[in-house]
Amino acid sequence: MSENKQLKYDKAYLRMALEWAKLSYCDRRQVGAIIVKDRMIISDGYNGTPTGFENICEDDEGYTKWYVLHAEANAILKVAASTQSCKGATLYVTLSPCRGCSKLIHQAGIVRVVYGQAYKDLSGVEFLEKAGIEVTHLQV
């Protein structure tokens, strides 16, 4: 695929992840993720509480509850529960991955990450790059 066409797809998928983020019940920050393999969306996710928990992500002080799942983790877990595989896939996420999610991304076999907004701690991105994963910061 030409570089120009790839950029066009990257922007479109990242815009989809932004739309997906709007489904999150989190007040502090809404994050969305889309996993694409062979130009087909194989999974999606947004940050939120685990299944069976009330959809309130913050405690009384406004801090995110420790058990809230990140968008990337939710998308990867959906693939794990299916017959699909993340091997060779691209992850589109609205916020750069944290350290914990970057480990999951690497272990899942994702080879490329495109993110929209940079998180204050970029050690997750640095880990991904060190692991040989192509990381692109793209604002839409």
C-alpha atoms as a PDB file:
ATOM      1  CA  MET A   1       0.000   0.000   0.000  1.00  0.00           C
ATOM      2  CA  SER A   2       1.320   3.456  -0.853  1.00  0.00           C
ATOM      3  CA  GLU A   3       2.348   5.761   1.981  1.00  0.00           C
ATOM      4  CA  ASN A   4      -0.377   8.234   1.024  1.00  0.00           C
ATOM      5  CA  LYS A   5      -3.092   5.563   1.032  1.00  0.00           C
ATOM      6  CA  GLN A   6      -1.821   4.152   4.360  1.00  0.00           C
ATOM      7  CA  LEU A   7      -2.043   7.622   5.928  1.00  0.00           C
ATOM      8  CA  LYS A   8      -5.613   7.950   4.668  1.00  0.00           C
ATOM      9  CA  TYR A   9      -6.554   4.616   6.299  1.00  0.00           C
ATOM     10  CA  ASP A  10      -4.652   5.469   9.487  1.00  0.00           C
ATOM     11  CA  LYS A  11      -6.600   8.719   9.877  1.00  0.00           C
ATOM     12  CA  ALA A  12      -9.919   6.990   9.213  1.00  0.00           C
ATOM     13  CA  TYR A  13      -9.293   4.211  11.752  1.00  0.00           C
ATOM     14  CA  LEU A  14      -8.074   6.714  14.335  1.00  0.00           C
ATOM     15  CA  ARG A  15     -11.263   8.747  13.828  1.00  0.00           C
ATOM     16  CA  MET A  16     -13.225   5.536  14.429  1.00  0.00           C
ATOM     17  CA  ALA A  17     -11.302   5.010  17.672  1.00  0.00           C
ATOM     18  CA  LEU A  18     -12.222   8.579  18.680  1.00  0.00           C
ATOM     19  CA  GLU A  19     -15.892   7.762  18.080  1.00  0.00           C
ATOM     20  CA  TRP A  20     -15.519   4.554  20.077  1.00  0.00           C
ATOM     21  CA  ALA A  21     -14.001   6.520  22.984  1.00  0.00           C
ATOM     22  CA  LYS A  22     -17.319   8.370  23.325  1.00  0.00           C
ATOM     23  CA  LEU A  23     -18.909   5.106  24.513  1.00  0.00           C
ATOM     24  CA  SER A  24     -16.779   5.171  27.676  1.00  0.00           C
ATOM     25  CA  TYR A  25     -18.469   6.070  30.962  1.00  0.00           C
ATOM     26  CA  CYS A  26     -15.234   7.510  32.366  1.00  0.00           C
ATOM     27  CA  ASP A  27     -15.374  11.189  33.319  1.00  0.00           C
ATOM     28  CA  ARG A  28     -11.646  11.960  33.550  1.00  0.00           C
ATOM     29  CA  ARG A  29     -10.699  10.681  30.113  1.00  0.00           C
ATOM     30  CA  GLN A  30     -12.413   8.664  27.419  1.00  0.00           C
ATOM     31  CA  VAL A  31     -10.119   6.413  25.371  1.00  0.00           C
ATOM     32  CA  GLY A  32     -10.987   4.255  22.366  1.00  0.00           C
ATOM     33  CA  ALA A  33      -9.106   1.521  20.522  1.00  0.00           C
ATOM     34  CA  ILE A  34      -9.555  -0.367  17.256  1.00  0.00           C
ATOM     35  CA  ILE A  35      -7.506  -3.390  16.168  1.00  0.00           C
ATOM     36  CA  VAL A  36      -7.134  -3.861  12.409  1.00  0.00           C
ATOM     37  CA  LYS A  37      -5.688  -6.874  10.596  1.00  0.00           C
ATOM     38  CA  ASP A  38      -5.588  -7.292   6.822  1.00  0.00           C
ATOM     39  CA  ARG A  39      -7.615  -4.053   6.486  1.00  0.00           C
ATOM     40  CA  MET A  40     -10.409  -5.556   8.585  1.00  0.00           C
ATOM     41  CA  ILE A  41     -11.454  -4.442  12.072  1.00  0.00           C
ATOM     42  CA  ILE A  42     -11.077  -7.491  14.306  1.00  0.00           C
ATOM     43  CA  SER A  43     -11.727  -5.786  17.633  1.00  0.00           C
ATOM     44  CA  ASP A  44     -12.578  -2.572  19.421  1.00  0.00           C
ATOM     45  CA  GLY A  45     -12.550  -1.338  22.980  1.00  0.00           C
ATOM     46  CA  TYR A  46     -12.865   1.635  25.276  1.00  0.00           C
ATOM     47  CA  ASN A  47     -11.817   2.264  28.837  1.00  0.00           C
ATOM     48  CA  GLY A  48     -14.254   1.226  31.538  1.00  0.00           C
ATOM     49  CA  THR A  49     -15.073  -1.047  34.426  1.00  0.00           C
ATOM     50  CA  PRO A  50     -15.064  -4.857  34.089  1.00  0.00           C
ATOM     51  CA  THR A  51     -18.259  -6.689  33.146  1.00  0.00           C
ATOM     52  CA  GLY A  52     -20.698  -6.826  36.044  1.00  0.00           C
ATOM     53  CA  PHE A  53     -19.393  -3.682  37.773  1.00  0.00           C
ATOM     54  CA  GLU A  54     -21.292  -0.394  37.813  1.00  0.00           C
ATOM     55  CA  ASN A  55     -20.167   1.959  35.040  1.00  0.00           C
ATOM     56  CA  ILE A  56     -18.503   4.458  37.345  1.00  0.00           C
ATOM     57  CA  CYS A  57     -14.780   4.780  36.674  1.00  0.00           C
ATOM     58  CA  GLU A  58     -13.828   7.364  39.322  1.00  0.00           C
ATOM     59  CA  ASP A  59     -13.909   7.253  43.113  1.00  0.00           C
ATOM     60  CA  ASP A  60     -15.331   9.994  45.358  1.00  0.00           C
ATOM     61  CA  GLU A  61     -12.087  12.014  45.058  1.00  0.00           C
ATOM     62  CA  GLY A  62     -12.232  11.885  41.244  1.00  0.00           C
ATOM     63  CA  TYR A  63      -9.395   9.396  40.837  1.00  0.00           C
ATOM     64  CA  THR A  64      -9.702   6.489  38.410  1.00  0.00           C
ATOM     65  CA  LYS A  65     -10.503   3.238  40.213  1.00  0.00           C
ATOM     66  CA  TRP A  66      -7.618   0.751  40.047  1.00  0.00           C
ATOM     67  CA  TYR A  67      -9.680  -1.926  38.309  1.00  0.00           C
ATOM     68  CA  VAL A  68     -10.754   0.176  35.325  1.00  0.00           C
ATOM     69  CA  LEU A  69      -9.610  -1.520  32.113  1.00  0.00           C
ATOM     70  CA  HIS A  70      -7.832   0.513  29.463  1.00  0.00           C
ATOM     71  CA  ALA A  71      -9.194   0.621  25.904  1.00  0.00           C
ATOM     72  CA  GLU A  72      -6.255  -1.367  24.478  1.00  0.00           C
ATOM     73  CA  ALA A  73      -6.639  -4.096  27.115  1.00  0.00           C
ATOM     74  CA  ASN A  74     -10.365  -4.383  26.403  1.00  0.00           C
ATOM     75  CA  ALA A  75      -9.752  -4.670  22.649  1.00  0.00           C
ATOM     76  CA  ILE A  76      -6.986  -7.285  23.108  1.00  0.00           C
ATOM     77  CA  LEU A  77      -9.118  -9.291  25.554  1.00  0.00           C
ATOM     78  CA  LYS A  78     -11.992  -9.342  23.055  1.00  0.00           C
ATOM     79  CA  VAL A  79      -9.660 -10.893  20.480  1.00  0.00           C
ATOM     80  CA  ALA A  80      -8.432 -13.422  23.044  1.00  0.00           C
ATOM     81  CA  ALA A  81     -12.045 -14.536  23.609  1.00  0.00           C
ATOM     82  CA  SER A  82     -12.586 -15.001  19.858  1.00  0.00           C
ATOM     83  CA  THR A  83     -11.106 -17.176  17.125  1.00  0.00           C
ATOM     84  CA  GLN A  84      -9.055 -14.231  15.827  1.00  0.00           C
ATOM     85  CA  SER A  85      -5.396 -13.420  16.519  1.00  0.00           C
ATOM     86  CA  CYS A  86      -3.662 -10.060  16.935  1.00  0.00           C
ATOM     87  CA  LYS A  87      -0.489 -11.369  15.287  1.00  0.00           C
ATOM     88  CA  GLY A  88       0.548  -8.863  12.617  1.00  0.00           C
ATOM     89  CA  ALA A  89      -2.246  -6.402  13.466  1.00  0.00           C
ATOM     90  CA  THR A  90      -2.278  -2.634  13.895  1.00  0.00           C
ATOM     91  CA  LEU A  91      -3.721  -1.004  17.015  1.00  0.00           C
ATOM     92  CA  TYR A  92      -5.320   2.424  16.695  1.00  0.00           C
ATOM     93  CA  VAL A  93      -5.745   4.135  20.060  1.00  0.00           C
ATOM     94  CA  THR A  94      -6.724   7.680  20.965  1.00  0.00           C
ATOM     95  CA  LEU A  95      -4.119   7.980  23.758  1.00  0.00           C
ATOM     96  CA  SER A  96      -0.563   6.611  23.751  1.00  0.00           C
ATOM     97  CA  PRO A  97      -0.347   3.265  25.589  1.00  0.00           C
ATOM     98  CA  CYS A  98       0.733   3.073  29.219  1.00  0.00           C
ATOM     99  CA  ARG A  99       3.438   0.671  30.410  1.00  0.00           C
ATOM    100  CA  GLY A 100       1.003  -2.102  31.310  1.00  0.00           C
ATOM    101  CA  CYS A 101      -0.853  -1.979  27.999  1.00  0.00           C
ATOM    102  CA  SER A 102       2.382  -1.805  26.012  1.00  0.00           C
ATOM    103  CA  LYS A 103       3.359  -5.196  27.470  1.00  0.00           C
ATOM    104  CA  LEU A 104      -0.006  -6.638  26.409  1.00  0.00           C
ATOM    105  CA  ILE A 105       0.367  -5.114  22.925  1.00  0.00           C
ATOM    106  CA  HIS A 106       3.789  -6.688  22.500  1.00  0.00           C
ATOM    107  CA  GLN A 107       2.726 -10.109  23.803  1.00  0.00           C
ATOM    108  CA  ALA A 108      -0.400 -10.094  21.623  1.00  0.00           C
ATOM    109  CA  GLY A 109       1.762  -9.874  18.494  1.00  0.00           C
ATOM    110  CA  ILE A 110       0.606  -6.434  17.393  1.00  0.00           C
ATOM    111  CA  VAL A 111       3.264  -5.018  15.042  1.00  0.00           C
ATOM    112  CA  ARG A 112       2.104  -1.424  14.668  1.00  0.00           C
ATOM    113  CA  VAL A 113       0.518   1.187  16.938  1.00  0.00           C
ATOM    114  CA  VAL A 114      -1.000   4.467  15.784  1.00  0.00           C
ATOM    115  CA  TYR A 115      -2.030   6.845  18.565  1.00  0.00           C
ATOM    116  CA  GLY A 116      -3.671  10.255  18.598  1.00  0.00           C
ATOM    117  CA  GLN A 117      -2.742  12.030  21.813  1.00  0.00           C
ATOM    118  CA  ALA A 118       0.464  11.609  23.815  1.00  0.00           C
ATOM    119  CA  TYR A 119       0.053  10.599  27.466  1.00  0.00           C
ATOM    120  CA  LYS A 120       2.280  12.437  29.985  1.00  0.00           C
ATOM    121  CA  ASP A 121       4.348   9.273  30.545  1.00  0.00           C
ATOM    122  CA  LEU A 122       5.782   7.978  27.261  1.00  0.00           C
ATOM    123  CA  SER A 123       7.617   4.977  28.741  1.00  0.00           C
ATOM    124  CA  GLY A 124       4.989   2.662  27.209  1.00  0.00           C
ATOM    125  CA  VAL A 125       5.763   4.050  23.744  1.00  0.00           C
ATOM    126  CA  GLU A 126       9.501   3.744  24.412  1.00  0.00           C
ATOM    127  CA  PHE A 127       9.011   0.095  25.403  1.00  0.00           C
ATOM    128  CA  LEU A 128       7.064  -0.621  22.202  1.00  0.00           C
ATOM    129  CA  GLU A 129       9.775   0.958  20.059  1.00  0.00           C
ATOM    130  CA  LYS A 130      12.451  -1.030  21.905  1.00  0.00           C
ATOM    131  CA  ALA A 131      10.403  -4.179  21.193  1.00  0.00           C
ATOM    132  CA  GLY A 132      10.542  -3.381  17.456  1.00  0.00           C
ATOM    133  CA  ILE A 133       6.921  -2.288  17.139  1.00  0.00           C
ATOM    134  CA  GLU A 134       6.306   0.542  14.690  1.00  0.00           C
ATOM    135  CA  VAL A 135       4.754   3.454  16.598  1.00  0.00           C
ATOM    136  CA  THR A 136       3.182   6.464  14.890  1.00  0.00           C
ATOM    137  CA  HIS A 137       1.840   9.609  16.567  1.00  0.00           C
ATOM    138  CA  LEU A 138      -0.933  10.956  14.347  1.00  0.00           C
ATOM    139  CA  GLN A 139      -3.274  13.784  15.259  1.00  0.00           C
ATOM    140  CA  VAL A 140      -6.705  13.853  13.615  1.00  0.00           C
END
